[in-house]
Protein backbone atom coordinates (compact mmCIF):
# COMPACT_ATOMS: atom_id res chain seq x y z
CA UNK A 1 -2.38 -0.02 -31.37
CA UNK A 2 -2.78 -2.45 -34.08
CA UNK A 3 -6.20 -2.32 -35.80
CA UNK A 4 -7.65 -4.82 -38.19
CA UNK A 5 -9.57 -3.88 -40.85
CA UNK A 6 -11.31 -6.21 -42.92
CA UNK A 7 -13.66 -4.11 -45.60
CA UNK A 8 -13.82 -4.34 -49.54
CA UNK A 9 -14.72 -0.85 -50.97
CA UNK A 10 -11.69 0.60 -51.64
CA UNK A 11 -12.82 4.69 -50.59
CA UNK A 12 -14.43 3.12 -47.37
CA UNK A 13 -11.38 1.46 -46.70
CA UNK A 14 -9.13 4.04 -47.27
CA UNK A 15 -10.70 6.85 -45.32
CA UNK A 16 -11.04 4.79 -42.09
CA UNK A 17 -7.41 3.85 -42.62
CA UNK A 18 -6.76 7.54 -42.91
CA UNK A 19 -8.29 8.46 -39.68
CA UNK A 20 -6.56 5.24 -37.76
CA UNK A 21 -3.60 6.23 -38.67
CA UNK A 22 -3.69 10.03 -37.61
CA UNK A 23 -4.97 9.09 -34.52
CA UNK A 24 -1.55 6.96 -34.40
CA UNK A 25 -2.53 3.64 -34.38
CA UNK A 26 -1.53 0.37 -36.34
CA UNK A 27 -3.66 -0.63 -39.70
CA UNK A 28 -3.81 -3.98 -41.11
CA UNK A 29 -6.22 -3.86 -44.18
CA UNK A 30 -7.41 -7.20 -45.71
CA UNK A 31 -10.34 -7.00 -48.84
CA UNK A 32 -11.96 -10.21 -47.85
CA UNK A 33 -13.61 -12.40 -45.16
CA UNK A 34 -11.43 -15.72 -45.61
CA UNK A 35 -8.03 -13.34 -45.24
CA UNK A 36 -9.50 -11.50 -42.28
CA UNK A 37 -10.44 -14.81 -40.19
CA UNK A 38 -6.26 -16.12 -41.46
CA UNK A 39 -4.75 -12.48 -40.20
CA UNK A 40 -7.14 -12.72 -37.01
CA UNK A 41 -5.27 -16.63 -36.20
CA UNK A 42 -1.90 -15.34 -36.93
CA UNK A 43 -1.79 -11.61 -36.02
CA UNK A 44 -2.02 -9.80 -32.69
CA UNK A 45 -4.81 -7.03 -32.63
CA UNK A 46 -6.07 -4.40 -30.19
CA UNK A 47 -9.66 -4.21 -32.23
CA UNK A 48 -10.94 -5.98 -35.30
CA UNK A 49 -13.63 -3.93 -38.11
CA UNK A 50 -15.21 -6.12 -40.08
CA UNK A 51 -17.52 -5.63 -42.30
CA UNK A 52 -20.51 -7.60 -43.54
CA UNK A 53 -20.47 -8.02 -47.36
CA UNK A 54 -17.37 -9.38 -47.75
CA UNK A 55 -15.86 -11.56 -50.82
CA UNK A 56 -15.21 -15.42 -50.09
CA UNK A 57 -16.99 -15.19 -46.32
CA UNK A 58 -19.43 -13.04 -44.76
CA UNK A 59 -17.92 -10.43 -41.97
CA UNK A 60 -20.42 -12.65 -39.21
CA UNK A 61 -19.21 -15.34 -40.18
CA UNK A 62 -15.54 -14.28 -40.11
CA UNK A 63 -16.85 -13.40 -36.42
CA UNK A 64 -18.52 -16.92 -35.82
CA UNK A 65 -15.19 -18.80 -37.05
CA UNK A 66 -13.21 -16.11 -34.92
CA UNK A 67 -15.41 -17.22 -31.69
CA UNK A 68 -15.23 -20.49 -32.66
CA UNK A 69 -11.64 -20.81 -32.40
CA UNK A 70 -11.37 -19.32 -29.02
CA UNK A 71 -10.27 -15.69 -30.80
CA UNK A 72 -11.08 -13.01 -28.17
CA UNK A 73 -10.34 -9.66 -30.24
CA UNK A 74 -12.61 -7.36 -29.71
CA UNK A 75 -15.03 -6.92 -32.95
CA UNK A 76 -16.78 -3.29 -34.35
CA UNK A 77 -19.08 -4.67 -37.11
CA UNK A 78 -19.35 -1.78 -40.05
CA UNK A 79 -23.09 -2.43 -41.89
CA UNK A 80 -25.11 -0.71 -44.29
CA UNK A 81 -28.09 -1.92 -42.63
CA UNK A 82 -28.47 -0.74 -39.47
CA UNK A 83 -32.00 -2.54 -38.23
CA UNK A 84 -32.28 -3.76 -34.59
CA UNK A 85 -32.46 -7.19 -36.15
CA UNK A 86 -29.40 -6.53 -37.92
CA UNK A 87 -27.25 -5.35 -34.65
CA UNK A 88 -28.82 -8.72 -33.06
CA UNK A 89 -27.44 -10.71 -35.83
CA UNK A 90 -23.75 -9.20 -34.99
CA UNK A 91 -24.16 -9.30 -31.43
CA UNK A 92 -25.18 -12.97 -31.27
CA UNK A 93 -22.17 -14.29 -33.58
CA UNK A 94 -20.07 -12.60 -30.87
CA UNK A 95 -19.49 -8.89 -31.72
CA UNK A 96 -18.75 -5.56 -29.28
CA UNK A 97 -20.39 -3.14 -31.54
CA UNK A 98 -22.18 -2.23 -34.55
CA UNK A 99 -21.36 0.58 -36.30
CA UNK A 100 -24.22 1.50 -39.26
CA UNK A 101 -22.49 2.96 -42.37
CA UNK A 102 -22.41 5.62 -42.72
CA UNK A 103 -20.37 6.68 -40.28
CA UNK A 104 -18.08 9.35 -39.29
CA UNK A 105 -14.22 8.30 -38.37
CA UNK A 106 -13.71 9.75 -35.04
CA UNK A 107 -17.33 7.91 -34.04
CA UNK A 108 -15.43 4.77 -35.26
CA UNK A 109 -12.21 5.83 -33.16
CA UNK A 110 -14.03 7.00 -30.37
CA UNK A 111 -15.77 3.56 -29.95
CA UNK A 112 -12.19 1.51 -30.86
CA UNK A 113 -10.72 3.25 -27.73
CA UNK A 114 -13.73 2.26 -25.33
CA UNK A 115 -13.06 -0.87 -26.82
CA UNK A 116 -9.85 -1.12 -25.70
CA UNK A 117 -10.30 0.60 -22.82
CA UNK A 118 -13.14 -1.88 -21.46
CA UNK A 119 -10.86 -4.80 -22.65
CA UNK A 120 -7.80 -3.92 -21.34
CA UNK A 121 -9.51 -2.69 -17.41
CA UNK A 122 -10.37 -6.82 -17.15
CA UNK A 123 -6.93 -8.21 -17.24
CA UNK A 124 -5.96 -7.15 -13.81
CA UNK A 125 -2.53 -5.82 -13.80
CA UNK A 126 -1.76 -2.79 -12.07
CA UNK A 127 -0.01 -1.17 -14.84
CA UNK A 128 -2.64 1.21 -15.78
CA UNK A 129 -5.40 3.53 -13.87
CA UNK A 130 -8.00 3.71 -16.76
CA UNK A 131 -11.29 6.24 -16.28
CA UNK A 132 -13.36 6.37 -19.14
CA UNK A 133 -11.04 6.48 -22.25
CA UNK A 134 -8.29 8.24 -20.96
CA UNK A 135 -4.97 5.61 -19.38
CA UNK A 136 -2.40 6.37 -17.25
CA UNK A 137 0.83 3.91 -17.40
CA UNK A 138 2.41 3.47 -14.25
CA UNK A 139 5.25 2.28 -15.68
CA UNK A 140 6.57 5.00 -18.07
CA UNK A 141 4.77 7.87 -16.63
CA UNK A 142 2.48 8.34 -19.99
CA UNK A 143 -1.48 9.64 -20.29
CA UNK A 144 -2.86 7.83 -23.38
CA UNK A 145 -5.82 9.55 -25.12
CA UNK A 146 -7.52 8.79 -28.31
CA UNK A 147 -4.40 6.76 -29.44
CA UNK A 148 -1.76 8.91 -28.73
CA UNK A 149 0.66 8.75 -26.07
CA UNK A 150 1.64 11.70 -23.93
CA UNK A 151 4.82 12.80 -21.77
CA UNK A 152 4.03 14.02 -18.31
CA UNK A 153 5.96 16.39 -15.84
CA UNK A 154 6.47 14.66 -12.60
CA UNK A 155 3.41 16.84 -11.33
CA UNK A 156 1.49 16.44 -13.74
CA UNK A 157 1.69 12.58 -13.19
CA UNK A 158 1.05 12.95 -9.60
CA UNK A 159 -1.80 15.33 -9.76
CA UNK A 160 -3.31 13.13 -12.53
CA UNK A 161 -2.70 9.79 -10.85
CA UNK A 162 -4.46 11.60 -7.76
CA UNK A 163 -7.43 12.15 -9.58
CA UNK A 164 -7.41 9.03 -11.68
CA UNK A 165 -7.37 6.60 -8.24
CA UNK A 166 -11.06 7.99 -7.23
CA UNK A 167 -12.94 9.16 -9.72
CA UNK A 168 -15.65 10.96 -9.48
CA UNK A 169 -14.26 12.31 -6.21
CA UNK A 170 -14.17 15.97 -5.38
CA UNK A 171 -10.56 16.78 -4.08
CA UNK A 172 -10.25 19.91 -3.48
CA UNK A 173 -7.38 22.22 -3.79
CA UNK A 174 -5.63 22.20 -0.01
CA UNK A 175 -6.11 18.19 -0.30
CA UNK A 176 -4.37 18.00 -4.09
CA UNK A 177 -1.31 20.30 -2.50
CA UNK A 178 -0.57 17.97 0.40
CA UNK A 179 -0.92 14.99 -1.34
CA UNK A 180 1.29 16.34 -4.59
CA UNK A 181 3.53 19.36 -3.27
CA UNK A 182 3.34 17.92 0.00
CA UNK A 183 2.75 21.12 1.60
CA UNK A 184 0.22 21.10 4.53
CA UNK A 185 -1.12 24.93 4.23
CA UNK A 186 -2.69 26.57 2.30
CA UNK A 187 -0.03 28.98 0.49
CA UNK A 188 -3.03 30.67 -1.66
CA UNK A 189 -1.27 30.32 -4.96
CA UNK A 190 -3.03 29.24 -8.38
CA UNK A 191 -0.13 26.30 -8.72
CA UNK A 192 -2.88 23.69 -8.77
CA UNK A 193 -4.97 25.22 -11.17
CA UNK A 194 -1.90 26.20 -13.56
CA UNK A 195 -0.99 22.06 -13.45
CA UNK A 196 -4.53 21.10 -14.47
CA UNK A 197 -4.90 23.81 -16.77
CA UNK A 198 -1.05 22.35 -18.48
CA UNK A 199 -2.83 18.87 -18.47
CA UNK A 200 -5.64 19.54 -20.19
CA UNK A 201 -3.88 21.25 -23.14
CA UNK A 202 -1.11 18.46 -23.09
CA UNK A 203 -3.90 15.54 -22.87
CA UNK A 204 -7.08 16.99 -23.92
CA UNK A 205 -6.09 19.69 -26.29
CA UNK A 206 -8.33 21.68 -24.25
CA UNK A 207 -11.64 19.64 -25.50
CA UNK A 208 -12.82 17.43 -23.30
CA UNK A 209 -14.35 17.85 -19.95
CA UNK A 210 -13.11 14.18 -18.53
CA UNK A 211 -11.26 16.21 -15.71
CA UNK A 212 -13.75 19.04 -14.52
CA UNK A 213 -13.65 22.38 -12.02
CA UNK A 214 -16.59 22.48 -8.86
CA UNK A 215 -16.11 26.10 -8.23
CA UNK A 216 -15.28 27.18 -4.63
CA UNK A 217 -14.32 23.25 -3.94
CA UNK A 218 -11.74 21.70 -6.26
CA UNK A 219 -11.04 19.07 -8.91
CA UNK A 220 -12.79 15.52 -10.25
CA UNK A 221 -12.14 13.12 -12.99
CA UNK A 222 -14.44 10.98 -14.34
CA UNK A 223 -17.63 9.08 -12.74
CA UNK A 224 -17.30 5.77 -13.14
CA UNK A 225 -14.97 3.50 -10.84
CA UNK A 226 -11.31 3.38 -10.98
CA UNK A 227 -9.46 0.34 -12.89
CA UNK A 228 -5.96 -1.05 -13.32
CA UNK A 229 -5.19 -2.53 -16.24
CA UNK A 230 -2.57 -4.08 -18.21
CA UNK A 231 -1.77 -3.34 -22.08
């Protein structure tokens, strides 16, 4: 994923860039508004992160110019002003999100991932399944979480796909065994639990509660409507 960062304060630009790179993004950095607008016109970016106070033209003017040119790249506005009127000014120009300074790069990354998931879910293709900020590539059989792609085994992929096609629905271990392992009876095995644990470790490093265990029943993922999409 390629991110455009338009920020003239070098210290802020450095720590934002470092945080994005660590999370697997590519970054193009511009230090003034005009350069940022030109980059938006010539580049293909998953998300643009615009500071408000910029040389040559403000971030809001960059945003207005981009929208007038028909550029639909999702935009997050950064600003030291966090009042409601300032946020509304950004949204009225066409911003998708507004993050007041100071902020944590972890929050910025989370907001970027959320925008990417929402944007790509609207594309109408069937290459991806998306639940919250987790995407499953049905072609490469990879999971994408926080900017990172994770390769899955056939069983891991099958189990995750099964859950993601019905987010919020609780599947019993027996149902999962029948669908993923093609076992039509309960062999009193913990193979499902072991596979779920492996998925949580590989994708989420055990830090996410996106996949939940319902005691005595089975497993569920997310609570939103499933989407198919192309990234």
